[in-house]
Amino acid sequence: GSKGKRFALPHSRIMIHQPMGVTQGQATDIDIQAREIMRLKKAINELFALHTGQDRKKIGNDTERDFFMTGQEALEYGIVDKVITKREMVSMGRDNKNRKIRAVD
């Protein structure tokens, strides 16, 4: 999500992990798929580092296996910007299509 718009609820569980894939076929096809997964892994880790402020090495270590966080831990990690404890429905018009939910402190 966009910086400033990444929210979690107090009892949320957030999980990060490396890309997964299943392949079959000739050795050449398996090699192609393996290289693509490794390329994706590097790209995802770079994006996590960019958007969380975490070191790439830490991201790499944390995504080797499923890495679970609470909403608060995800906030501290930099994955979310706020843990929402209250919500308020703001009506911007008469129909449901124009209603918005906004976080309040």
N, C-alpha and C. Protein backbone atom coordinates (compact mmCIF):
# COMPACT_ATOMS: atom_id res chain seq x y z
N GLY A 1 0.80 -1.19 0.00
CA GLY A 1 0.00 0.00 0.00
C GLY A 1 0.85 1.26 0.00
N SER A 2 0.21 2.36 -0.22
CA SER A 2 0.89 3.65 -0.22
C SER A 2 1.30 4.05 1.18
N LYS A 3 2.48 4.65 1.31
CA LYS A 3 2.97 5.13 2.60
C LYS A 3 1.93 6.05 3.21
N GLY A 4 1.63 5.83 4.48
CA GLY A 4 0.63 6.61 5.18
C GLY A 4 -0.76 5.99 5.13
N LYS A 5 -0.95 4.97 4.30
CA LYS A 5 -2.26 4.33 4.15
C LYS A 5 -2.19 2.84 4.44
N ARG A 6 -1.15 2.41 5.14
CA ARG A 6 -0.97 0.99 5.45
C ARG A 6 -1.38 0.78 6.91
N PHE A 7 -2.50 0.09 7.11
CA PHE A 7 -3.06 -0.06 8.45
C PHE A 7 -3.15 -1.53 8.85
N ALA A 8 -3.17 -1.74 10.16
CA ALA A 8 -3.44 -3.06 10.72
C ALA A 8 -4.36 -2.86 11.92
N LEU A 9 -5.07 -3.89 12.27
CA LEU A 9 -5.90 -3.88 13.48
C LEU A 9 -5.08 -4.46 14.63
N PRO A 10 -5.48 -4.18 15.88
CA PRO A 10 -4.68 -4.63 17.02
C PRO A 10 -4.42 -6.14 17.06
N HIS A 11 -5.36 -6.94 16.60
CA HIS A 11 -5.20 -8.39 16.66
C HIS A 11 -4.83 -9.00 15.31
N SER A 12 -4.36 -8.16 14.39
CA SER A 12 -3.93 -8.65 13.08
C SER A 12 -2.70 -9.54 13.21
N ARG A 13 -2.57 -10.44 12.25
CA ARG A 13 -1.34 -11.23 12.11
C ARG A 13 -0.84 -10.96 10.70
N ILE A 14 0.38 -10.48 10.59
CA ILE A 14 0.97 -10.17 9.30
C ILE A 14 2.12 -11.16 9.08
N MET A 15 2.19 -11.73 7.87
CA MET A 15 3.23 -12.71 7.58
C MET A 15 3.95 -12.32 6.30
N ILE A 16 5.28 -12.39 6.35
CA ILE A 16 6.08 -12.20 5.14
C ILE A 16 6.87 -13.48 4.90
N HIS A 17 7.16 -13.75 3.63
CA HIS A 17 7.93 -14.94 3.28
C HIS A 17 8.47 -14.78 1.87
N GLN A 18 9.36 -15.66 1.49
CA GLN A 18 9.93 -15.62 0.15
C GLN A 18 8.93 -16.19 -0.86
N PRO A 19 9.13 -15.90 -2.15
CA PRO A 19 8.23 -16.46 -3.17
C PRO A 19 8.30 -17.99 -3.17
N MET A 20 7.18 -18.59 -3.53
CA MET A 20 7.13 -20.04 -3.63
C MET A 20 6.67 -20.41 -5.03
N GLY A 21 7.06 -21.57 -5.47
CA GLY A 21 6.63 -22.02 -6.78
C GLY A 21 6.76 -23.52 -6.90
N VAL A 22 5.99 -24.08 -7.79
CA VAL A 22 6.04 -25.51 -8.08
C VAL A 22 6.23 -25.62 -9.58
N THR A 23 7.13 -26.47 -9.98
CA THR A 23 7.38 -26.64 -11.41
C THR A 23 7.65 -28.10 -11.72
N GLN A 24 7.53 -28.42 -12.96
CA GLN A 24 7.86 -29.77 -13.42
C GLN A 24 8.30 -29.67 -14.86
N GLY A 25 8.86 -30.72 -15.36
CA GLY A 25 9.28 -30.73 -16.75
C GLY A 25 10.74 -31.08 -16.88
N GLN A 26 11.28 -30.70 -18.00
CA GLN A 26 12.68 -30.99 -18.28
C GLN A 26 13.58 -30.15 -17.37
N ALA A 27 14.81 -30.60 -17.20
CA ALA A 27 15.76 -29.91 -16.33
C ALA A 27 15.92 -28.44 -16.74
N THR A 28 15.92 -28.17 -18.02
CA THR A 28 16.05 -26.80 -18.50
C THR A 28 14.88 -25.94 -18.05
N ASP A 29 13.66 -26.48 -18.13
CA ASP A 29 12.47 -25.75 -17.70
C ASP A 29 12.51 -25.49 -16.20
N ILE A 30 12.94 -26.48 -15.43
CA ILE A 30 13.04 -26.32 -13.98
C ILE A 30 14.07 -25.24 -13.64
N ASP A 31 15.18 -25.23 -14.35
CA ASP A 31 16.21 -24.22 -14.14
C ASP A 31 15.68 -22.82 -14.45
N ILE A 32 14.93 -22.68 -15.52
CA ILE A 32 14.33 -21.38 -15.89
C ILE A 32 13.42 -20.90 -14.77
N GLN A 33 12.56 -21.77 -14.27
CA GLN A 33 11.64 -21.40 -13.20
C GLN A 33 12.39 -21.05 -11.91
N ALA A 34 13.43 -21.81 -11.58
CA ALA A 34 14.22 -21.54 -10.37
C ALA A 34 14.89 -20.17 -10.46
N ARG A 35 15.45 -19.84 -11.62
CA ARG A 35 16.08 -18.53 -11.79
C ARG A 35 15.06 -17.40 -11.67
N GLU A 36 13.85 -17.63 -12.19
CA GLU A 36 12.80 -16.60 -12.10
C GLU A 36 12.38 -16.40 -10.64
N ILE A 37 12.24 -17.47 -9.89
CA ILE A 37 11.87 -17.35 -8.48
C ILE A 37 12.96 -16.60 -7.71
N MET A 38 14.22 -16.88 -8.00
CA MET A 38 15.32 -16.17 -7.33
C MET A 38 15.32 -14.69 -7.71
N ARG A 39 14.99 -14.38 -8.97
CA ARG A 39 14.90 -12.97 -9.39
C ARG A 39 13.78 -12.27 -8.64
N LEU A 40 12.63 -12.94 -8.53
CA LEU A 40 11.50 -12.38 -7.78
C LEU A 40 11.84 -12.19 -6.31
N LYS A 41 12.53 -13.16 -5.73
CA LYS A 41 12.93 -13.07 -4.32
C LYS A 41 13.78 -11.82 -4.09
N LYS A 42 14.74 -11.59 -4.95
CA LYS A 42 15.60 -10.41 -4.82
C LYS A 42 14.79 -9.12 -4.98
N ALA A 43 13.91 -9.07 -5.97
CA ALA A 43 13.09 -7.88 -6.21
C ALA A 43 12.17 -7.60 -5.03
N ILE A 44 11.53 -8.64 -4.50
CA ILE A 44 10.62 -8.46 -3.37
C ILE A 44 11.38 -7.98 -2.14
N ASN A 45 12.55 -8.58 -1.88
CA ASN A 45 13.34 -8.15 -0.72
C ASN A 45 13.78 -6.70 -0.86
N GLU A 46 14.13 -6.27 -2.07
CA GLU A 46 14.51 -4.88 -2.29
C GLU A 46 13.32 -3.95 -2.05
N LEU A 47 12.13 -4.36 -2.48
CA LEU A 47 10.94 -3.54 -2.23
C LEU A 47 10.61 -3.46 -0.74
N PHE A 48 10.70 -4.60 -0.05
CA PHE A 48 10.49 -4.58 1.41
C PHE A 48 11.48 -3.63 2.07
N ALA A 49 12.75 -3.71 1.69
CA ALA A 49 13.77 -2.84 2.28
C ALA A 49 13.46 -1.37 2.01
N LEU A 50 13.10 -1.07 0.78
CA LEU A 50 12.78 0.31 0.40
C LEU A 50 11.60 0.86 1.20
N HIS A 51 10.55 0.06 1.34
CA HIS A 51 9.31 0.56 1.95
C HIS A 51 9.23 0.39 3.47
N THR A 52 10.14 -0.38 4.05
CA THR A 52 10.12 -0.56 5.51
C THR A 52 11.29 0.13 6.20
N GLY A 53 12.36 0.42 5.45
CA GLY A 53 13.55 0.98 6.07
C GLY A 53 14.45 -0.07 6.69
N GLN A 54 14.08 -1.33 6.56
CA GLN A 54 14.90 -2.42 7.11
C GLN A 54 16.07 -2.71 6.17
N ASP A 55 17.14 -3.21 6.73
CA ASP A 55 18.31 -3.63 5.97
C ASP A 55 17.96 -4.83 5.09
N ARG A 56 18.51 -4.88 3.87
CA ARG A 56 18.22 -5.99 2.95
C ARG A 56 18.61 -7.34 3.53
N LYS A 57 19.71 -7.37 4.28
CA LYS A 57 20.14 -8.64 4.89
C LYS A 57 19.10 -9.12 5.91
N LYS A 58 18.57 -8.19 6.72
CA LYS A 58 17.53 -8.55 7.70
C LYS A 58 16.29 -9.06 6.98
N ILE A 59 15.88 -8.36 5.92
CA ILE A 59 14.72 -8.79 5.14
C ILE A 59 14.97 -10.20 4.60
N GLY A 60 16.14 -10.43 4.04
CA GLY A 60 16.48 -11.75 3.51
C GLY A 60 16.40 -12.84 4.56
N ASN A 61 16.93 -12.56 5.75
CA ASN A 61 16.86 -13.54 6.84
C ASN A 61 15.42 -13.77 7.29
N ASP A 62 14.66 -12.68 7.41
CA ASP A 62 13.29 -12.80 7.92
C ASP A 62 12.36 -13.51 6.93
N THR A 63 12.65 -13.41 5.65
CA THR A 63 11.76 -14.03 4.65
C THR A 63 12.20 -15.43 4.25
N GLU A 64 13.25 -15.96 4.85
CA GLU A 64 13.67 -17.33 4.53
C GLU A 64 12.58 -18.33 4.87
N ARG A 65 11.86 -18.08 5.92
CA ARG A 65 10.72 -18.90 6.35
C ARG A 65 9.57 -17.95 6.65
N ASP A 66 8.37 -18.49 6.86
CA ASP A 66 7.24 -17.64 7.24
C ASP A 66 7.61 -16.85 8.49
N PHE A 67 7.42 -15.54 8.44
CA PHE A 67 7.76 -14.63 9.54
C PHE A 67 6.49 -13.90 9.94
N PHE A 68 5.96 -14.22 11.12
CA PHE A 68 4.69 -13.67 11.59
C PHE A 68 4.92 -12.50 12.53
N MET A 69 4.03 -11.51 12.44
CA MET A 69 4.09 -10.33 13.31
C MET A 69 2.69 -9.96 13.76
N THR A 70 2.60 -9.35 14.92
CA THR A 70 1.36 -8.73 15.36
C THR A 70 1.24 -7.39 14.63
N GLY A 71 0.11 -6.73 14.78
CA GLY A 71 -0.05 -5.41 14.20
C GLY A 71 1.02 -4.45 14.72
N GLN A 72 1.27 -4.49 16.03
CA GLN A 72 2.27 -3.61 16.63
C GLN A 72 3.68 -3.93 16.12
N GLU A 73 4.00 -5.21 16.01
CA GLU A 73 5.31 -5.61 15.49
C GLU A 73 5.48 -5.17 14.04
N ALA A 74 4.40 -5.27 13.25
CA ALA A 74 4.45 -4.82 11.85
C ALA A 74 4.66 -3.31 11.77
N LEU A 75 4.08 -2.58 12.72
CA LEU A 75 4.30 -1.13 12.80
C LEU A 75 5.77 -0.84 13.07
N GLU A 76 6.33 -1.52 14.05
CA GLU A 76 7.74 -1.33 14.40
C GLU A 76 8.66 -1.77 13.27
N TYR A 77 8.27 -2.77 12.52
CA TYR A 77 9.06 -3.28 11.39
C TYR A 77 9.00 -2.32 10.19
N GLY A 78 7.92 -1.53 10.10
CA GLY A 78 7.76 -0.59 9.00
C GLY A 78 6.83 -1.06 7.90
N ILE A 79 6.14 -2.18 8.14
CA ILE A 79 5.21 -2.71 7.12
C ILE A 79 3.89 -1.95 7.13
N VAL A 80 3.45 -1.52 8.31
CA VAL A 80 2.23 -0.72 8.41
C VAL A 80 2.59 0.64 9.01
N ASP A 81 1.72 1.62 8.81
CA ASP A 81 1.95 2.97 9.31
C ASP A 81 1.19 3.25 10.60
N LYS A 82 0.15 2.46 10.84
CA LYS A 82 -0.66 2.71 12.03
C LYS A 82 -1.44 1.46 12.39
N VAL A 83 -1.59 1.25 13.68
CA VAL A 83 -2.48 0.21 14.19
C VAL A 83 -3.76 0.93 14.59
N ILE A 84 -4.84 0.61 13.91
CA ILE A 84 -6.12 1.28 14.13
C ILE A 84 -6.81 0.67 15.34
N THR A 85 -7.17 1.52 16.29
CA THR A 85 -7.89 1.04 17.46
C THR A 85 -9.34 1.51 17.48
N LYS A 86 -9.66 2.52 16.66
CA LYS A 86 -11.04 3.01 16.54
C LYS A 86 -11.33 3.24 15.07
N ARG A 87 -12.58 3.19 14.71
CA ARG A 87 -12.92 3.52 13.33
C ARG A 87 -14.17 4.39 13.33
N GLU A 88 -14.31 5.15 12.29
CA GLU A 88 -15.43 6.06 12.15
C GLU A 88 -15.89 6.03 10.70
N MET A 89 -17.18 5.89 10.49
CA MET A 89 -17.73 5.91 9.14
C MET A 89 -18.08 7.35 8.81
N VAL A 90 -17.56 7.83 7.71
CA VAL A 90 -17.82 9.20 7.30
C VAL A 90 -18.63 9.14 6.02
N SER A 91 -19.80 9.71 6.03
CA SER A 91 -20.65 9.71 4.84
C SER A 91 -20.30 10.90 3.97
N MET A 92 -20.01 10.62 2.71
CA MET A 92 -19.70 11.67 1.76
C MET A 92 -20.85 11.88 0.78
N GLY A 93 -21.96 11.23 1.02
CA GLY A 93 -23.09 11.35 0.12
C GLY A 93 -24.22 10.44 0.58
N ARG A 94 -25.28 10.37 -0.21
CA ARG A 94 -26.45 9.59 0.19
C ARG A 94 -26.31 8.11 -0.11
N ASP A 95 -25.56 7.75 -1.13
CA ASP A 95 -25.46 6.34 -1.48
C ASP A 95 -24.20 5.70 -0.87
N ASN A 96 -24.24 4.39 -0.69
CA ASN A 96 -23.12 3.67 -0.08
C ASN A 96 -21.84 3.76 -0.90
N LYS A 97 -21.97 4.02 -2.18
CA LYS A 97 -20.80 4.06 -3.06
C LYS A 97 -19.83 5.17 -2.65
N ASN A 98 -20.33 6.25 -2.09
CA ASN A 98 -19.49 7.39 -1.74
C ASN A 98 -19.07 7.44 -0.28
N ARG A 99 -19.32 6.38 0.47
CA ARG A 99 -18.91 6.36 1.87
C ARG A 99 -17.44 6.00 1.98
N LYS A 100 -16.81 6.57 2.97
CA LYS A 100 -15.39 6.32 3.20
C LYS A 100 -15.17 5.96 4.66
N ILE A 101 -14.17 5.12 4.91
CA ILE A 101 -13.76 4.81 6.28
C ILE A 101 -12.44 5.52 6.51
N ARG A 102 -12.36 6.20 7.63
CA ARG A 102 -11.13 6.92 7.92
C ARG A 102 -10.68 6.57 9.32
N ALA A 103 -9.37 6.45 9.51
CA ALA A 103 -8.82 6.14 10.83
C ALA A 103 -8.84 7.38 11.70
N VAL A 104 -9.20 7.20 12.95
CA VAL A 104 -9.18 8.30 13.91
C VAL A 104 -8.28 7.92 15.07
N ASP A 105 -7.66 8.91 15.66
CA ASP A 105 -6.78 8.66 16.81
C ASP A 105 -7.57 8.47 18.09
